[in-house]
């Protein structure tokens, strides 16, 4: 992605509408693979995102992986 974006990858690159088609392909493949992994482990994407946001709090809750 770095090479395709000219050396730097902007934050939240996959949410942008102005990215090259090859970068869009990488983003789409990453999203699909992530969704498949989450669901294969018996969780929904919204629940995974909820847990992720919870564990990103500062200070990190005790029941989150360190």
N, C-alpha and C. Protein backbone atom coordinates (compact mmCIF):
# COMPACT_ATOMS: atom_id res chain seq x y z
N UNK A 1 0.83 -1.17 0.00
CA UNK A 1 0.00 0.00 0.00
C UNK A 1 0.88 1.24 0.00
N UNK A 2 1.94 1.19 0.77
CA UNK A 2 2.85 2.33 0.85
C UNK A 2 3.37 2.72 -0.53
N UNK A 3 3.78 1.73 -1.29
CA UNK A 3 4.31 1.99 -2.64
C UNK A 3 3.21 2.57 -3.52
N UNK A 4 2.02 2.01 -3.44
CA UNK A 4 0.91 2.48 -4.27
C UNK A 4 0.45 3.89 -3.90
N UNK A 5 0.66 4.27 -2.64
CA UNK A 5 0.23 5.59 -2.17
C UNK A 5 1.37 6.62 -2.22
N UNK A 6 2.50 6.26 -2.81
CA UNK A 6 3.58 7.21 -2.96
C UNK A 6 4.45 7.37 -1.73
N UNK A 7 4.51 6.35 -0.89
CA UNK A 7 5.41 6.37 0.26
C UNK A 7 4.75 6.57 1.61
N UNK A 8 3.56 7.11 1.65
CA UNK A 8 2.87 7.29 2.93
C UNK A 8 1.44 6.79 2.81
N UNK A 9 0.96 6.23 3.90
CA UNK A 9 -0.42 5.73 3.92
C UNK A 9 -1.20 6.59 4.91
N UNK A 10 -2.16 7.37 4.42
CA UNK A 10 -2.94 8.21 5.32
C UNK A 10 -3.74 7.38 6.32
N UNK A 11 -3.98 7.95 7.49
CA UNK A 11 -4.81 7.28 8.48
C UNK A 11 -6.20 7.07 7.89
N UNK A 12 -6.81 5.97 8.20
CA UNK A 12 -8.15 5.61 7.71
C UNK A 12 -8.21 5.61 6.18
N UNK A 13 -7.15 5.15 5.56
CA UNK A 13 -7.06 5.18 4.10
C UNK A 13 -8.22 4.45 3.44
N UNK A 14 -8.70 3.39 4.05
CA UNK A 14 -9.76 2.59 3.42
C UNK A 14 -11.12 3.29 3.45
N UNK A 15 -11.27 4.33 4.26
CA UNK A 15 -12.53 5.07 4.29
C UNK A 15 -12.54 6.20 3.27
N UNK A 16 -11.42 6.45 2.64
CA UNK A 16 -11.32 7.54 1.66
C UNK A 16 -11.92 7.13 0.32
N UNK A 17 -12.43 8.07 -0.40
CA UNK A 17 -13.00 7.79 -1.70
C UNK A 17 -12.04 8.04 -2.85
N UNK A 18 -10.90 8.66 -2.54
CA UNK A 18 -9.98 9.07 -3.60
C UNK A 18 -8.72 8.21 -3.67
N UNK A 19 -8.86 6.92 -3.37
CA UNK A 19 -7.68 6.05 -3.39
C UNK A 19 -7.60 5.29 -4.71
N UNK A 20 -6.38 4.92 -5.11
CA UNK A 20 -6.22 4.17 -6.36
C UNK A 20 -6.95 2.82 -6.31
N UNK A 21 -7.38 2.33 -7.46
CA UNK A 21 -8.12 1.05 -7.51
C UNK A 21 -7.37 -0.12 -6.85
N UNK A 22 -6.07 -0.19 -6.99
CA UNK A 22 -5.29 -1.29 -6.38
C UNK A 22 -5.34 -1.20 -4.86
N UNK A 23 -5.31 0.02 -4.33
CA UNK A 23 -5.41 0.22 -2.88
C UNK A 23 -6.81 -0.18 -2.42
N UNK A 24 -7.83 0.16 -3.20
CA UNK A 24 -9.21 -0.23 -2.88
C UNK A 24 -9.32 -1.75 -2.81
N UNK A 25 -8.67 -2.45 -3.73
CA UNK A 25 -8.67 -3.91 -3.72
C UNK A 25 -8.07 -4.45 -2.42
N UNK A 26 -6.96 -3.86 -1.99
CA UNK A 26 -6.30 -4.29 -0.75
C UNK A 26 -7.24 -4.04 0.43
N UNK A 27 -7.86 -2.88 0.48
CA UNK A 27 -8.80 -2.55 1.56
C UNK A 27 -9.97 -3.53 1.59
N UNK A 28 -10.53 -3.80 0.42
CA UNK A 28 -11.67 -4.72 0.35
C UNK A 28 -11.29 -6.13 0.79
N UNK A 29 -10.11 -6.59 0.37
CA UNK A 29 -9.65 -7.92 0.76
C UNK A 29 -9.39 -7.99 2.27
N UNK A 30 -8.78 -6.93 2.83
CA UNK A 30 -8.53 -6.88 4.27
C UNK A 30 -9.85 -6.92 5.04
N UNK A 31 -10.82 -6.14 4.59
CA UNK A 31 -12.12 -6.10 5.27
C UNK A 31 -12.81 -7.47 5.23
N UNK A 32 -12.80 -8.11 4.08
CA UNK A 32 -13.42 -9.43 3.95
C UNK A 32 -12.73 -10.45 4.83
N UNK A 33 -11.38 -10.48 4.79
CA UNK A 33 -10.64 -11.44 5.60
C UNK A 33 -10.88 -11.21 7.09
N UNK A 34 -10.90 -9.95 7.50
CA UNK A 34 -11.15 -9.63 8.91
C UNK A 34 -12.54 -10.09 9.34
N UNK A 35 -13.53 -9.79 8.50
CA UNK A 35 -14.91 -10.21 8.80
C UNK A 35 -15.01 -11.73 8.90
N UNK A 36 -14.35 -12.43 7.97
CA UNK A 36 -14.38 -13.90 7.98
C UNK A 36 -13.76 -14.46 9.26
N UNK A 37 -12.64 -13.89 9.70
CA UNK A 37 -11.97 -14.35 10.92
C UNK A 37 -12.85 -14.10 12.14
N UNK A 38 -13.42 -12.91 12.22
CA UNK A 38 -14.29 -12.57 13.35
C UNK A 38 -15.47 -13.53 13.42
N UNK A 39 -16.13 -13.75 12.29
CA UNK A 39 -17.30 -14.61 12.27
C UNK A 39 -16.94 -16.08 12.48
N UNK A 40 -15.78 -16.51 12.00
CA UNK A 40 -15.34 -17.89 12.22
C UNK A 40 -15.10 -18.17 13.70
N UNK A 41 -14.87 -17.11 14.46
CA UNK A 41 -14.67 -17.26 15.90
C UNK A 41 -15.94 -16.98 16.69
N UNK A 42 -17.08 -17.01 16.00
CA UNK A 42 -18.37 -16.93 16.67
C UNK A 42 -18.79 -15.56 17.15
N UNK A 43 -18.27 -14.51 16.53
CA UNK A 43 -18.60 -13.17 16.97
C UNK A 43 -19.12 -12.36 15.79
N UNK A 44 -19.95 -11.38 16.08
CA UNK A 44 -20.40 -10.47 15.03
C UNK A 44 -19.41 -9.31 14.92
N UNK A 45 -19.38 -8.68 13.77
CA UNK A 45 -18.49 -7.52 13.58
C UNK A 45 -18.87 -6.39 14.53
N UNK A 46 -20.16 -6.06 14.70
CA UNK A 46 -20.50 -4.99 15.66
C UNK A 46 -20.03 -5.30 17.09
N UNK A 47 -20.16 -6.56 17.52
CA UNK A 47 -19.70 -6.93 18.87
C UNK A 47 -18.19 -6.81 18.97
N UNK A 48 -17.46 -7.25 17.94
CA UNK A 48 -16.01 -7.12 17.92
C UNK A 48 -15.61 -5.64 18.02
N UNK A 49 -16.28 -4.79 17.26
CA UNK A 49 -15.97 -3.35 17.30
C UNK A 49 -16.27 -2.75 18.67
N UNK A 50 -17.34 -3.20 19.29
CA UNK A 50 -17.70 -2.73 20.64
C UNK A 50 -16.60 -3.11 21.64
N UNK A 51 -16.15 -4.34 21.58
CA UNK A 51 -15.09 -4.80 22.49
C UNK A 51 -13.79 -4.04 22.22
N UNK A 52 -13.48 -3.82 20.95
CA UNK A 52 -12.27 -3.08 20.59
C UNK A 52 -12.30 -1.67 21.17
N UNK A 53 -13.43 -0.98 20.98
CA UNK A 53 -13.55 0.39 21.54
C UNK A 53 -13.43 0.36 23.06
N UNK A 54 -14.05 -0.61 23.70
CA UNK A 54 -14.00 -0.74 25.15
C UNK A 54 -12.55 -0.89 25.62
N UNK A 55 -11.79 -1.73 24.94
CA UNK A 55 -10.42 -2.01 25.36
C UNK A 55 -9.43 -0.92 24.95
N UNK A 56 -9.86 0.05 24.15
CA UNK A 56 -8.99 1.16 23.78
C UNK A 56 -9.11 2.33 24.74
N UNK A 57 -9.95 2.18 25.76
CA UNK A 57 -10.09 3.25 26.74
C UNK A 57 -8.77 3.46 27.48
N UNK A 58 -8.65 4.66 28.03
CA UNK A 58 -7.48 4.95 28.84
C UNK A 58 -7.98 5.40 30.20
N UNK A 59 -7.57 4.76 31.27
CA UNK A 59 -6.70 3.57 31.29
C UNK A 59 -7.45 2.34 30.78
N UNK A 60 -6.65 1.39 30.30
CA UNK A 60 -7.22 0.15 29.74
C UNK A 60 -7.92 -0.63 30.85
N UNK A 61 -9.17 -1.06 30.60
CA UNK A 61 -9.88 -1.87 31.59
C UNK A 61 -9.11 -3.15 31.93
N UNK A 62 -9.22 -3.59 33.16
CA UNK A 62 -8.49 -4.76 33.63
C UNK A 62 -8.82 -6.04 32.88
N UNK A 63 -10.05 -6.14 32.38
CA UNK A 63 -10.46 -7.38 31.72
C UNK A 63 -10.09 -7.43 30.24
N UNK A 64 -9.24 -6.51 29.78
CA UNK A 64 -8.78 -6.50 28.39
C UNK A 64 -7.35 -7.06 28.31
N UNK A 65 -7.03 -7.69 27.19
CA UNK A 65 -5.65 -8.20 27.04
C UNK A 65 -4.63 -7.07 27.11
N UNK A 66 -3.52 -7.35 27.69
CA UNK A 66 -2.46 -6.34 27.82
C UNK A 66 -1.51 -6.40 26.68
